[in-house]
Amino acid sequence: MKRAQAVLGIQGQLSVNSRFETSLPASLHNALKQGVALDFQLQYQLIAPKVLAYNLRFNPWADTVSPISYKLTYHPLTDKYRVTIGTFSTEYSNLQVALRSIGGIVKWDVHPVNTFLAAEKDQIYAQIRLSLSSHQLPRPFQINTLTSKAWGLDSGWVRLRVETE
């Protein structure tokens, strides 16, 4: 993990900046080279303040934060790696550079204007997590995620450092 930061805006909005250091074990790199696409998810979770967390979890009218999905593929004809986020994709000639773009985000708006007060900065406890979406893998590889720790890429929940704008 290189950076895990939440920025509390002057109007009470909260955005996330992150950068993960990800590396693939040899077995996953080989699968990628064989044409298996690797899907990752960047998830956000608010733990405190508890009243807001309660409202977001149980109030169906409250906004929830959808995870960001990344897809990493290898194209042997061009010898390039492609990272796709939604409909946007970028090609990289180096795997390490492609992996740096996975989980890296700037100004991901997770809570809208007027969600927090500036005085609540020290009470905000939020975390993010980057993980390999094993359920997106082909069935034979899903078994590998259950039996081999190398296939279960997961950063674990990382606490966000909250700063003001």
C-alpha atoms as a PDB file:
ATOM      1  CA  MET A   1       0.000   0.000   0.000  1.00  0.00           C
ATOM      2  CA  LYS A   2       1.475   3.298  -1.043  1.00  0.00           C
ATOM      3  CA  ARG A   3      -1.380   5.704  -0.354  1.00  0.00           C
ATOM      4  CA  ALA A   4      -4.729   5.446   1.430  1.00  0.00           C
ATOM      5  CA  GLN A   5      -6.280   8.837   2.011  1.00  0.00           C
ATOM      6  CA  ALA A   6      -9.721  10.363   2.349  1.00  0.00           C
ATOM      7  CA  VAL A   7     -10.195  14.077   1.741  1.00  0.00           C
ATOM      8  CA  LEU A   8     -12.974  15.922   3.553  1.00  0.00           C
ATOM      9  CA  GLY A   9     -14.090  18.821   1.366  1.00  0.00           C
ATOM     10  CA  ILE A  10     -15.140  22.230   2.646  1.00  0.00           C
ATOM     11  CA  GLN A  11     -18.761  21.443   1.741  1.00  0.00           C
ATOM     12  CA  GLY A  12     -18.834  18.177   3.714  1.00  0.00           C
ATOM     13  CA  GLN A  13     -18.144  15.750   0.863  1.00  0.00           C
ATOM     14  CA  LEU A  14     -15.653  12.896   1.172  1.00  0.00           C
ATOM     15  CA  SER A  15     -13.418  11.599  -1.606  1.00  0.00           C
ATOM     16  CA  VAL A  16     -10.800   8.845  -1.661  1.00  0.00           C
ATOM     17  CA  ASN A  17      -7.280   8.734  -3.097  1.00  0.00           C
ATOM     18  CA  SER A  18      -5.408   5.435  -3.196  1.00  0.00           C
ATOM     19  CA  ARG A  19      -2.423   3.699  -4.734  1.00  0.00           C
ATOM     20  CA  PHE A  20      -1.698   0.017  -4.126  1.00  0.00           C
ATOM     21  CA  GLU A  21       1.498  -1.925  -4.689  1.00  0.00           C
ATOM     22  CA  THR A  22       0.323  -5.118  -6.349  1.00  0.00           C
ATOM     23  CA  SER A  23       2.396  -7.982  -7.649  1.00  0.00           C
ATOM     24  CA  LEU A  24       1.267 -11.212  -9.250  1.00  0.00           C
ATOM     25  CA  PRO A  25       2.588 -14.586  -8.127  1.00  0.00           C
ATOM     26  CA  ALA A  26       4.028 -16.728 -10.925  1.00  0.00           C
ATOM     27  CA  SER A  27       0.887 -18.889 -11.154  1.00  0.00           C
ATOM     28  CA  LEU A  28      -1.369 -15.868 -11.743  1.00  0.00           C
ATOM     29  CA  HIS A  29       1.086 -14.324 -14.189  1.00  0.00           C
ATOM     30  CA  ASN A  30       1.141 -17.583 -16.167  1.00  0.00           C
ATOM     31  CA  ALA A  31      -2.666 -17.715 -16.186  1.00  0.00           C
ATOM     32  CA  LEU A  32      -2.773 -14.109 -17.409  1.00  0.00           C
ATOM     33  CA  LYS A  33      -0.320 -14.946 -20.226  1.00  0.00           C
ATOM     34  CA  GLN A  34      -2.547 -17.937 -21.143  1.00  0.00           C
ATOM     35  CA  GLY A  35      -5.501 -15.597 -21.719  1.00  0.00           C
ATOM     36  CA  VAL A  36      -7.247 -15.588 -18.335  1.00  0.00           C
ATOM     37  CA  ALA A  37      -8.593 -12.132 -17.493  1.00  0.00           C
ATOM     38  CA  LEU A  38      -8.050 -11.014 -13.902  1.00  0.00           C
ATOM     39  CA  ASP A  39     -10.789  -8.925 -12.318  1.00  0.00           C
ATOM     40  CA  PHE A  40     -10.104  -6.785  -9.269  1.00  0.00           C
ATOM     41  CA  GLN A  41     -12.439  -4.762  -7.065  1.00  0.00           C
ATOM     42  CA  LEU A  42     -11.701  -1.644  -5.061  1.00  0.00           C
ATOM     43  CA  GLN A  43     -14.213  -1.464  -2.208  1.00  0.00           C
ATOM     44  CA  TYR A  44     -14.995   1.334   0.250  1.00  0.00           C
ATOM     45  CA  GLN A  45     -16.536   0.984   3.689  1.00  0.00           C
ATOM     46  CA  LEU A  46     -17.543   3.599   6.271  1.00  0.00           C
ATOM     47  CA  ILE A  47     -17.248   2.415   9.875  1.00  0.00           C
ATOM     48  CA  ALA A  48     -17.779   5.636  11.869  1.00  0.00           C
ATOM     49  CA  PRO A  49     -19.485   7.904  12.716  1.00  0.00           C
ATOM     50  CA  LYS A  50     -21.880   5.128  13.690  1.00  0.00           C
ATOM     51  CA  VAL A  51     -25.085   7.118  13.103  1.00  0.00           C
ATOM     52  CA  LEU A  52     -24.110   7.802   9.501  1.00  0.00           C
ATOM     53  CA  ALA A  53     -22.953   4.212   9.012  1.00  0.00           C
ATOM     54  CA  TYR A  54     -26.293   3.008  10.361  1.00  0.00           C
ATOM     55  CA  ASN A  55     -28.209   5.294   8.002  1.00  0.00           C
ATOM     56  CA  LEU A  56     -26.150   4.218   4.985  1.00  0.00           C
ATOM     57  CA  ARG A  57     -26.482   0.518   5.766  1.00  0.00           C
ATOM     58  CA  PHE A  58     -30.180   0.353   6.647  1.00  0.00           C
ATOM     59  CA  ASN A  59     -31.782   3.328   4.923  1.00  0.00           C
ATOM     60  CA  PRO A  60     -32.808   2.260   1.391  1.00  0.00           C
ATOM     61  CA  TRP A  61     -32.895   5.929   0.316  1.00  0.00           C
ATOM     62  CA  ALA A  62     -29.284   6.579   1.336  1.00  0.00           C
ATOM     63  CA  ASP A  63     -26.561   6.454  -1.279  1.00  0.00           C
ATOM     64  CA  THR A  64     -24.345   3.387  -1.202  1.00  0.00           C
ATOM     65  CA  VAL A  65     -20.894   3.271  -2.713  1.00  0.00           C
ATOM     66  CA  SER A  66     -20.452   0.766  -5.524  1.00  0.00           C
ATOM     67  CA  PRO A  67     -17.034  -0.847  -5.824  1.00  0.00           C
ATOM     68  CA  ILE A  68     -14.777   0.043  -8.733  1.00  0.00           C
ATOM     69  CA  SER A  69     -13.976  -2.901 -11.006  1.00  0.00           C
ATOM     70  CA  TYR A  70     -10.673  -3.314 -12.838  1.00  0.00           C
ATOM     71  CA  LYS A  71      -9.994  -5.941 -15.514  1.00  0.00           C
ATOM     72  CA  LEU A  72      -6.419  -6.898 -16.391  1.00  0.00           C
ATOM     73  CA  THR A  73      -5.848  -8.761 -19.668  1.00  0.00           C
ATOM     74  CA  TYR A  74      -2.846  -9.697 -21.776  1.00  0.00           C
ATOM     75  CA  HIS A  75      -2.849  -9.508 -25.586  1.00  0.00           C
ATOM     76  CA  PRO A  76      -0.147 -11.736 -27.103  1.00  0.00           C
ATOM     77  CA  LEU A  77      -0.354 -10.252 -30.606  1.00  0.00           C
ATOM     78  CA  THR A  78       0.660  -6.809 -29.362  1.00  0.00           C
ATOM     79  CA  ASP A  79       2.533  -8.096 -26.283  1.00  0.00           C
ATOM     80  CA  LYS A  80       0.652  -5.528 -24.181  1.00  0.00           C
ATOM     81  CA  TYR A  81      -1.352  -5.556 -20.981  1.00  0.00           C
ATOM     82  CA  ARG A  82      -4.716  -3.816 -20.890  1.00  0.00           C
ATOM     83  CA  VAL A  83      -6.411  -2.418 -17.806  1.00  0.00           C
ATOM     84  CA  THR A  84     -10.123  -1.689 -18.234  1.00  0.00           C
ATOM     85  CA  ILE A  85     -12.271   0.337 -15.853  1.00  0.00           C
ATOM     86  CA  GLY A  86     -15.861   0.393 -17.080  1.00  0.00           C
ATOM     87  CA  THR A  87     -15.625   1.403 -20.755  1.00  0.00           C
ATOM     88  CA  PHE A  88     -12.241   3.115 -20.387  1.00  0.00           C
ATOM     89  CA  SER A  89      -9.118   1.062 -21.113  1.00  0.00           C
ATOM     90  CA  THR A  90      -5.402   1.731 -21.292  1.00  0.00           C
ATOM     91  CA  GLU A  91      -2.633  -0.439 -22.701  1.00  0.00           C
ATOM     92  CA  TYR A  92       0.747  -0.920 -21.040  1.00  0.00           C
ATOM     93  CA  SER A  93       3.866  -2.620 -22.363  1.00  0.00           C
ATOM     94  CA  ASN A  94       5.015  -3.528 -18.850  1.00  0.00           C
ATOM     95  CA  LEU A  95       3.116  -5.637 -16.301  1.00  0.00           C
ATOM     96  CA  GLN A  96       4.405  -3.671 -13.293  1.00  0.00           C
ATOM     97  CA  VAL A  97       3.120  -0.393 -14.755  1.00  0.00           C
ATOM     98  CA  ALA A  98      -0.248  -1.998 -15.523  1.00  0.00           C
ATOM     99  CA  LEU A  99      -0.486  -3.294 -11.948  1.00  0.00           C
ATOM    100  CA  ARG A 100       0.231   0.195 -10.576  1.00  0.00           C
ATOM    101  CA  SER A 101      -2.905   1.470 -12.284  1.00  0.00           C
ATOM    102  CA  ILE A 102      -5.062  -1.163 -10.571  1.00  0.00           C
ATOM    103  CA  GLY A 103      -6.436   0.258  -7.345  1.00  0.00           C
ATOM    104  CA  GLY A 104      -5.013   3.685  -8.042  1.00  0.00           C
ATOM    105  CA  ILE A 105      -7.679   6.363  -7.862  1.00  0.00           C
ATOM    106  CA  VAL A 106      -7.868  10.103  -7.301  1.00  0.00           C
ATOM    107  CA  LYS A 107     -10.924  11.998  -6.057  1.00  0.00           C
ATOM    108  CA  TRP A 108     -13.315   9.046  -5.923  1.00  0.00           C
ATOM    109  CA  ASP A 109     -16.419  10.730  -4.523  1.00  0.00           C
ATOM    110  CA  VAL A 110     -17.784   8.336  -1.918  1.00  0.00           C
ATOM    111  CA  HIS A 111     -20.067  10.731   0.014  1.00  0.00           C
ATOM    112  CA  PRO A 112     -21.818  13.773  -1.440  1.00  0.00           C
ATOM    113  CA  VAL A 113     -21.880  17.397  -0.283  1.00  0.00           C
ATOM    114  CA  ASN A 114     -23.291  18.024   3.229  1.00  0.00           C
ATOM    115  CA  THR A 115     -22.615  14.481   4.458  1.00  0.00           C
ATOM    116  CA  PHE A 116     -20.061  15.483   7.114  1.00  0.00           C
ATOM    117  CA  LEU A 117     -19.233  18.543   9.158  1.00  0.00           C
ATOM    118  CA  ALA A 118     -15.644  19.818   9.242  1.00  0.00           C
ATOM    119  CA  ALA A 119     -15.614  19.174  13.007  1.00  0.00           C
ATOM    120  CA  GLU A 120     -16.237  15.446  12.358  1.00  0.00           C
ATOM    121  CA  LYS A 121     -12.877  14.950  10.637  1.00  0.00           C
ATOM    122  CA  ASP A 122     -11.387  13.071  13.604  1.00  0.00           C
ATOM    123  CA  GLN A 123     -14.501  10.908  13.988  1.00  0.00           C
ATOM    124  CA  ILE A 124     -14.494   9.525  10.444  1.00  0.00           C
ATOM    125  CA  TYR A 125     -13.260   5.963  10.242  1.00  0.00           C
ATOM    126  CA  ALA A 126     -13.334   4.568   6.705  1.00  0.00           C
ATOM    127  CA  GLN A 127     -11.389   1.870   4.919  1.00  0.00           C
ATOM    128  CA  ILE A 128     -10.705   0.491   1.453  1.00  0.00           C
ATOM    129  CA  ARG A 129      -9.730  -2.884   0.087  1.00  0.00           C
ATOM    130  CA  LEU A 130      -8.371  -4.171  -3.222  1.00  0.00           C
ATOM    131  CA  SER A 131      -9.001  -7.816  -4.016  1.00  0.00           C
ATOM    132  CA  LEU A 132      -8.993 -10.287  -6.874  1.00  0.00           C
ATOM    133  CA  SER A 133     -12.578 -11.174  -7.798  1.00  0.00           C
ATOM    134  CA  SER A 134     -12.207 -14.932  -7.774  1.00  0.00           C
ATOM    135  CA  HIS A 135     -15.852 -15.499  -8.722  1.00  0.00           C
ATOM    136  CA  GLN A 136     -15.116 -13.881 -12.116  1.00  0.00           C
ATOM    137  CA  LEU A 137     -12.434 -16.449 -12.973  1.00  0.00           C
ATOM    138  CA  PRO A 138     -13.188 -19.545 -15.086  1.00  0.00           C
ATOM    139  CA  ARG A 139     -14.412 -22.469 -12.922  1.00  0.00           C
ATOM    140  CA  PRO A 140     -11.132 -24.468 -12.828  1.00  0.00           C
ATOM    141  CA  PHE A 141      -9.288 -21.375 -11.598  1.00  0.00           C
ATOM    142  CA  GLN A 142     -11.920 -20.680  -8.933  1.00  0.00           C
ATOM    143  CA  ILE A 143     -10.885 -23.956  -7.298  1.00  0.00           C
ATOM    144  CA  ASN A 144      -7.287 -22.697  -7.223  1.00  0.00           C
ATOM    145  CA  THR A 145      -8.414 -19.633  -5.233  1.00  0.00           C
ATOM    146  CA  LEU A 146      -9.827 -21.930  -2.569  1.00  0.00           C
ATOM    147  CA  THR A 147      -6.790 -24.195  -2.323  1.00  0.00           C
ATOM    148  CA  SER A 148      -3.868 -21.847  -2.985  1.00  0.00           C
ATOM    149  CA  LYS A 149      -3.076 -18.688  -1.044  1.00  0.00           C
ATOM    150  CA  ALA A 150      -1.203 -17.324  -4.093  1.00  0.00           C
ATOM    151  CA  TRP A 151      -4.481 -17.067  -6.005  1.00  0.00           C
ATOM    152  CA  GLY A 152      -6.276 -15.135  -3.275  1.00  0.00           C
ATOM    153  CA  LEU A 153      -4.911 -11.643  -3.824  1.00  0.00           C
ATOM    154  CA  ASP A 154      -6.427  -9.356  -1.201  1.00  0.00           C
ATOM    155  CA  SER A 155      -4.972  -6.262   0.434  1.00  0.00           C
ATOM    156  CA  GLY A 156      -7.232  -6.631   3.456  1.00  0.00           C
ATOM    157  CA  TRP A 157      -9.063  -3.593   4.770  1.00  0.00           C
ATOM    158  CA  VAL A 158      -6.786  -0.558   4.938  1.00  0.00           C
ATOM    159  CA  ARG A 159      -7.784   2.402   7.103  1.00  0.00           C
ATOM    160  CA  LEU A 160      -7.994   5.733   5.311  1.00  0.00           C
ATOM    161  CA  ARG A 161      -6.143   8.708   6.720  1.00  0.00           C
ATOM    162  CA  VAL A 162      -8.671  11.585   6.711  1.00  0.00           C
ATOM    163  CA  GLU A 163      -7.411  15.041   5.767  1.00  0.00           C
ATOM    164  CA  THR A 164      -9.197  18.304   5.063  1.00  0.00           C
ATOM    165  CA  GLU A 165      -9.149  20.089   1.720  1.00  0.00           C
END
